[in-house]
Protein backbone atom coordinates (compact mmCIF):
# COMPACT_ATOMS: atom_id res chain seq x y z
CA MET A 1 32.98 77.12 -15.55
CA THR A 2 36.71 77.43 -16.31
CA SER A 3 37.40 78.55 -19.88
CA ALA A 4 39.27 76.10 -22.10
CA LYS A 5 42.97 76.87 -22.45
CA THR A 6 45.70 75.94 -24.91
CA ILE A 7 48.45 74.18 -22.98
CA LEU A 8 51.90 72.88 -23.92
CA ILE A 9 53.44 70.23 -21.68
CA THR A 10 56.95 68.85 -22.02
CA GLY A 11 57.95 65.26 -21.28
CA ALA A 12 54.43 63.98 -21.94
CA SER A 13 55.35 60.49 -23.15
CA ARG A 14 55.18 58.92 -19.70
CA GLY A 15 54.69 59.38 -15.97
CA ILE A 16 53.39 62.66 -14.62
CA GLY A 17 53.51 64.32 -18.04
CA LEU A 18 51.27 61.75 -19.70
CA LEU A 19 48.86 61.72 -16.75
CA THR A 20 48.70 65.52 -16.69
CA ALA A 21 47.86 65.64 -20.40
CA LYS A 22 44.95 63.29 -19.76
CA SER A 23 43.75 65.18 -16.67
CA LEU A 24 43.75 68.50 -18.53
CA ALA A 25 42.00 67.08 -21.61
CA SER A 26 39.31 65.56 -19.40
CA ARG A 27 38.60 69.10 -18.17
CA GLY A 28 38.09 70.40 -21.70
CA HIS A 29 41.49 71.91 -22.42
CA THR A 30 43.54 71.60 -25.60
CA VAL A 31 46.85 69.98 -24.72
CA TYR A 32 49.93 69.80 -26.92
CA ALA A 33 51.82 66.80 -25.55
CA GLY A 34 55.51 67.34 -26.22
CA MET A 35 57.78 64.31 -26.54
CA ARG A 36 60.84 63.08 -28.41
CA ASN A 37 60.80 60.38 -31.08
CA LEU A 38 57.13 60.83 -31.82
CA SER A 39 57.12 58.27 -34.62
CA GLY A 40 59.66 55.96 -32.99
CA ARG A 41 60.22 55.07 -29.34
CA ASN A 42 57.26 57.12 -28.11
CA LYS A 43 54.82 56.22 -30.87
CA GLY A 44 52.82 54.10 -28.43
CA ALA A 45 52.42 57.01 -26.01
CA ALA A 46 51.29 59.28 -28.85
CA ILE A 47 48.69 56.72 -29.93
CA GLU A 48 47.51 56.30 -26.32
CA LEU A 49 47.06 60.04 -25.82
CA THR A 50 45.29 60.50 -29.15
CA ALA A 51 42.88 57.66 -28.30
CA PHE A 52 42.20 59.19 -24.89
CA SER A 53 41.58 62.54 -26.55
CA ASP A 54 38.90 61.04 -28.79
CA SER A 55 36.80 60.15 -25.73
CA SER A 56 37.51 63.27 -23.64
CA ASP A 57 35.94 66.72 -23.48
CA GLY A 58 39.18 68.29 -24.65
CA ARG A 59 41.89 67.60 -27.19
CA ILE A 60 45.40 66.14 -27.04
CA VAL A 61 47.83 66.77 -29.88
CA PRO A 62 51.19 64.96 -29.61
CA ILE A 63 54.01 67.15 -30.90
CA GLU A 64 57.72 66.51 -31.49
CA LEU A 65 59.72 68.28 -28.78
CA ASP A 66 63.20 67.94 -27.29
CA VAL A 67 63.85 70.49 -24.54
CA ALA A 68 67.61 70.06 -25.03
CA ASP A 69 67.39 71.36 -28.62
CA GLU A 70 66.64 75.08 -28.89
CA ALA A 71 65.70 74.95 -32.59
CA ILE A 72 63.15 72.19 -31.94
CA CYS A 73 61.74 74.09 -28.94
CA THR A 74 61.30 77.24 -31.01
CA ALA A 75 59.75 75.36 -33.94
CA ALA A 76 57.27 73.51 -31.71
CA VAL A 77 56.08 76.71 -30.06
CA ALA A 78 55.77 78.48 -33.43
CA LYS A 79 53.74 75.58 -34.81
CA ILE A 80 51.28 75.74 -31.91
CA GLN A 81 51.03 79.53 -31.94
CA ALA A 82 50.11 79.41 -35.62
CA GLU A 83 46.92 77.68 -34.47
CA ALA A 84 46.25 79.35 -31.11
CA PRO A 85 48.02 81.38 -28.40
CA ILE A 86 49.70 79.25 -25.73
CA ASP A 87 47.97 80.07 -22.44
CA VAL A 88 49.96 77.69 -20.26
CA LEU A 89 53.41 76.08 -20.44
CA ILE A 90 54.05 73.11 -18.17
CA ASN A 91 57.76 72.33 -17.81
CA ASN A 92 57.63 68.67 -16.85
CA ALA A 93 60.52 67.01 -18.71
CA GLY A 94 63.26 65.92 -16.34
CA VAL A 95 65.92 63.35 -15.44
CA MET A 96 66.77 61.98 -11.97
CA PRO A 97 70.34 60.65 -11.61
CA VAL A 98 71.02 58.72 -8.41
CA GLY A 99 74.39 57.73 -7.01
CA LEU A 100 77.52 58.97 -5.30
CA THR A 101 77.76 62.66 -6.09
CA GLU A 102 81.54 62.68 -6.60
CA ALA A 103 81.35 59.82 -9.10
CA PHE A 104 79.17 61.67 -11.60
CA THR A 105 81.32 63.24 -14.31
CA VAL A 106 81.13 66.89 -15.33
CA LYS A 107 79.72 65.74 -18.67
CA GLN A 108 76.91 63.92 -16.85
CA ALA A 109 76.19 67.07 -14.84
CA GLN A 110 76.13 69.15 -18.02
CA ASP A 111 73.72 66.72 -19.70
CA LEU A 112 71.46 66.79 -16.65
CA PHE A 113 71.35 70.59 -16.45
CA ASP A 114 70.71 70.71 -20.20
CA VAL A 115 67.31 69.11 -19.50
CA ASN A 116 66.37 70.01 -15.92
CA VAL A 117 67.51 73.65 -16.00
CA TYR A 118 68.35 74.84 -19.51
CA GLY A 119 65.34 72.98 -20.92
CA ILE A 120 63.10 75.12 -18.72
CA MET A 121 64.97 78.23 -19.84
CA ARG A 122 64.59 77.33 -23.53
CA MET A 123 60.89 76.63 -23.25
CA SER A 124 60.14 79.66 -21.08
CA ARG A 125 61.99 81.98 -23.46
CA ALA A 126 60.16 80.43 -26.41
CA VAL A 127 56.68 81.22 -25.04
CA LEU A 128 57.24 84.42 -23.09
CA GLY A 129 57.42 86.86 -26.00
CA ALA A 130 53.82 86.17 -26.99
CA MET A 131 52.68 86.01 -23.36
CA ARG A 132 54.21 89.42 -22.64
CA ALA A 133 52.53 90.88 -25.73
CA ARG A 134 49.15 89.60 -24.45
CA LYS A 135 49.97 90.43 -20.81
CA SER A 136 48.67 87.01 -19.91
CA GLY A 137 50.10 83.56 -19.32
CA LEU A 138 51.06 80.85 -16.87
CA ILE A 139 54.24 78.78 -16.58
CA ILE A 140 54.15 75.77 -14.24
CA SER A 141 57.49 74.06 -13.65
CA LEU A 142 57.89 70.66 -12.00
CA SER A 143 60.40 70.72 -9.20
CA SER A 144 60.62 68.17 -6.38
CA SER A 145 61.10 67.82 -2.65
CA ALA A 146 64.74 67.65 -3.77
CA GLY A 147 64.42 71.30 -4.73
CA ARG A 148 64.27 72.21 -1.01
CA PHE A 149 66.75 69.73 0.52
CA GLY A 150 70.20 68.30 -0.03
CA MET A 151 70.07 64.50 0.02
CA PRO A 152 72.83 61.88 -0.14
CA PHE A 153 73.05 60.06 -3.49
CA PHE A 154 70.73 62.68 -5.04
CA GLY A 155 73.33 65.46 -5.13
CA LEU A 156 73.16 66.24 -8.85
CA TYR A 157 69.37 65.97 -8.94
CA CYS A 158 69.06 68.30 -5.92
CA ALA A 159 71.48 70.76 -7.51
CA SER A 160 69.45 70.90 -10.72
CA LYS A 161 66.18 71.36 -8.84
CA TRP A 162 67.59 74.08 -6.59
CA ALA A 163 68.82 75.86 -9.73
CA MET A 164 65.52 75.64 -11.57
CA GLU A 165 63.60 76.78 -8.48
CA ALA A 166 65.74 79.92 -8.23
CA TYR A 167 65.28 80.62 -11.94
CA CYS A 168 61.51 80.09 -11.90
CA GLU A 169 60.92 82.09 -8.72
CA SER A 170 63.01 85.00 -10.04
CA LEU A 171 60.94 84.89 -13.23
CA HIS A 172 57.80 85.05 -11.12
CA TYR A 173 58.69 88.43 -9.62
CA GLU A 174 59.78 89.88 -12.97
CA LEU A 175 56.69 88.65 -14.84
CA GLU A 176 54.07 89.40 -12.17
CA PRO A 177 53.73 93.09 -13.19
CA LEU A 178 53.07 91.91 -16.76
CA GLY A 179 50.14 89.67 -15.83
CA ILE A 180 52.12 86.41 -16.13
CA GLU A 181 52.78 83.83 -13.40
CA SER A 182 55.74 81.47 -13.02
CA ILE A 183 55.02 78.89 -10.34
CA LEU A 184 56.46 75.64 -9.01
CA VAL A 185 55.04 72.22 -8.13
CA GLU A 186 57.09 70.19 -5.61
CA PRO A 187 56.08 66.51 -5.61
CA SER A 188 57.60 64.02 -3.21
CA GLY A 189 58.22 60.44 -4.39
CA HIS A 190 55.51 59.10 -6.68
CA GLY A 191 55.14 55.88 -8.64
CA THR A 192 56.71 56.78 -11.99
CA ASP A 193 59.62 55.25 -13.87
CA LEU A 194 62.09 57.86 -12.59
CA VAL A 195 63.33 55.28 -10.09
CA THR A 196 63.79 52.48 -12.63
CA THR A 197 65.45 54.73 -15.23
CA ALA A 198 67.72 56.73 -12.90
CA PRO A 199 71.17 57.25 -14.49
CA ALA A 200 74.11 56.00 -12.42
CA PRO A 201 77.55 57.60 -12.00
CA ALA A 202 79.92 56.97 -14.91
CA ASP A 203 83.19 57.19 -12.95
CA LEU A 204 83.29 53.59 -11.74
CA PRO A 205 86.76 53.73 -10.11
CA ARG A 206 85.50 56.48 -7.80
CA VAL A 207 82.36 54.44 -7.07
CA GLN A 208 84.54 51.48 -6.09
CA ASP A 209 86.65 53.67 -3.82
CA TYR A 210 83.62 54.10 -1.56
CA GLY A 211 83.34 50.37 -0.88
CA ASP A 212 80.02 49.18 0.53
CA LEU A 213 78.75 52.76 0.86
CA ALA A 214 78.41 52.81 -2.93
CA ASN A 215 75.57 50.31 -2.54
CA GLY A 216 73.55 53.09 -0.96
CA ARG A 217 72.23 53.94 -4.42
CA ASP A 218 70.62 50.52 -4.84
CA ARG A 219 69.36 50.50 -1.26
CA LEU A 220 67.64 53.87 -1.66
CA LEU A 221 66.15 53.04 -5.05
CA GLY A 222 64.94 49.72 -3.66
CA MET A 223 63.32 51.51 -0.72
CA PHE A 224 61.44 53.88 -3.01
CA GLN A 225 60.40 51.13 -5.42
CA GLY A 226 59.13 49.00 -2.53
CA MET A 227 57.13 51.96 -1.25
CA PHE A 228 55.53 52.51 -4.66
CA GLU A 229 54.69 48.83 -5.06
CA GLN A 230 52.64 48.95 -1.86
CA GLY A 231 50.10 50.96 -3.84
CA ASP A 232 49.59 53.67 -1.22
CA ALA A 233 47.24 56.33 -2.59
CA SER A 234 49.60 59.11 -1.49
CA THR A 235 52.26 57.95 -3.97
CA ASP A 236 49.92 57.71 -6.97
CA ALA A 237 51.30 60.03 -9.66
CA VAL A 238 47.77 60.92 -10.76
CA ASN A 239 47.60 63.09 -7.63
CA VAL A 240 50.34 65.31 -9.06
CA ALA A 241 48.63 65.45 -12.45
CA ASN A 242 45.32 66.49 -10.92
CA ARG A 243 46.98 69.13 -8.71
CA ILE A 244 48.64 70.64 -11.78
CA ALA A 245 45.25 70.71 -13.51
CA ASP A 246 43.78 72.41 -10.43
CA LEU A 247 46.43 75.12 -10.68
CA VAL A 248 45.65 75.64 -14.36
CA ASP A 249 41.95 76.06 -13.55
CA MET A 250 42.62 78.33 -10.57
CA ASP A 251 42.24 82.10 -10.79
CA ALA A 252 45.31 84.25 -10.21
CA PRO A 253 47.13 84.87 -7.96
CA ARG A 254 48.30 81.27 -7.56
CA PRO A 255 50.77 80.11 -4.89
CA ILE A 256 54.38 80.26 -6.01
CA ARG A 257 55.00 76.78 -4.57
CA THR A 258 52.63 73.81 -4.30
CA GLN A 259 53.75 70.67 -2.46
CA VAL A 260 52.15 67.33 -3.43
CA GLY A 261 52.40 63.92 -1.71
CA GLN A 262 54.24 62.91 1.44
CA ASP A 263 55.41 66.21 2.87
CA MET A 264 58.96 65.29 3.99
CA GLY A 265 59.15 68.69 5.72
CA VAL A 266 58.84 70.71 2.52
CA THR A 267 55.83 72.69 3.77
CA ALA A 268 57.71 73.64 6.94
CA VAL A 269 60.65 74.89 4.85
CA ASN A 270 58.35 76.81 2.51
CA ASP A 271 56.40 78.35 5.38
CA ALA A 272 59.61 79.41 7.15
CA VAL A 273 61.19 80.94 4.04
CA MET A 274 58.07 82.64 2.65
CA PRO A 275 57.95 85.68 4.99
CA ILE A 276 61.71 86.22 4.63
CA GLN A 277 61.43 86.09 0.85
CA ALA A 278 58.39 88.38 0.89
CA GLU A 279 60.23 90.95 3.02
CA LEU A 280 63.19 90.85 0.63
CA ILE A 281 60.95 91.47 -2.39
CA LYS A 282 59.09 94.21 -0.51
CA GLY A 283 62.37 96.03 -0.03
CA LEU A 284 63.66 95.50 -3.58
CA LYS A 285 60.42 96.11 -5.49
CA PRO A 286 60.32 99.93 -5.19
CA VAL A 287 63.87 99.99 -6.59
CA TYR A 288 63.47 97.67 -9.58
CA MET A 289 59.96 98.89 -10.44
CA GLY A 290 61.12 102.51 -10.55
CA GLY A 291 58.18 104.72 -11.42
CA LEU A 292 56.05 101.92 -12.89
């Protein structure tokens, strides 16, 4: 039987984060469900998770967390570690802007990276000191099929996911000798509110310059929403939550990348790149490891 772990998950107020908290608690783990506005906008989610916890084999503890605020990240991790070591960090919080790439402002790009990339950096840095001291730990970061492709109208989202994939994979190689894993989960489209809450470009004059092509945003979002409303089992977000829980329960070594849902060619890309990446690391490892 898998031993119970203490797990911190970001962005747990909705979607994949909320479902993952439930899946992990049902397997007997203690889950700290990080979310903003714990006593305000997300009070309902906190109540829902606490109620689920009461009837599960594990425990869910909602905790105030904003991955864009380093002081709050540090305080949340310290609060948890005062009770128990954090065995697993799940970087789930994220934003998905959709629209003409040129029409997003630099400020919008900065705000996006503050969550999708720098949020992962803040949280990873916050937990890694204790993990390195114990020579044990697991960091699972939620990427996307967009982390392997460039897609029209998803330019900023793809850029943020490519960036976080590079960061997390580089961490993996550096942490592996210390008994810690940094791995990625790459879901395709699943039925969450990312589609209905997708930020649009703020530079409206540039949007208008594209004429009818600018309507591609609404056409694509409508396509995805229509697909989700069909209720196909392959787009159920609980599949992602359960796969994350499987990775938590799995013995090391875990795969660096795990694709979930409609493949979209991601597995082919991963399979093609894997031996090239492995050969690169094989050549570099004797140099950076020195005499270790």
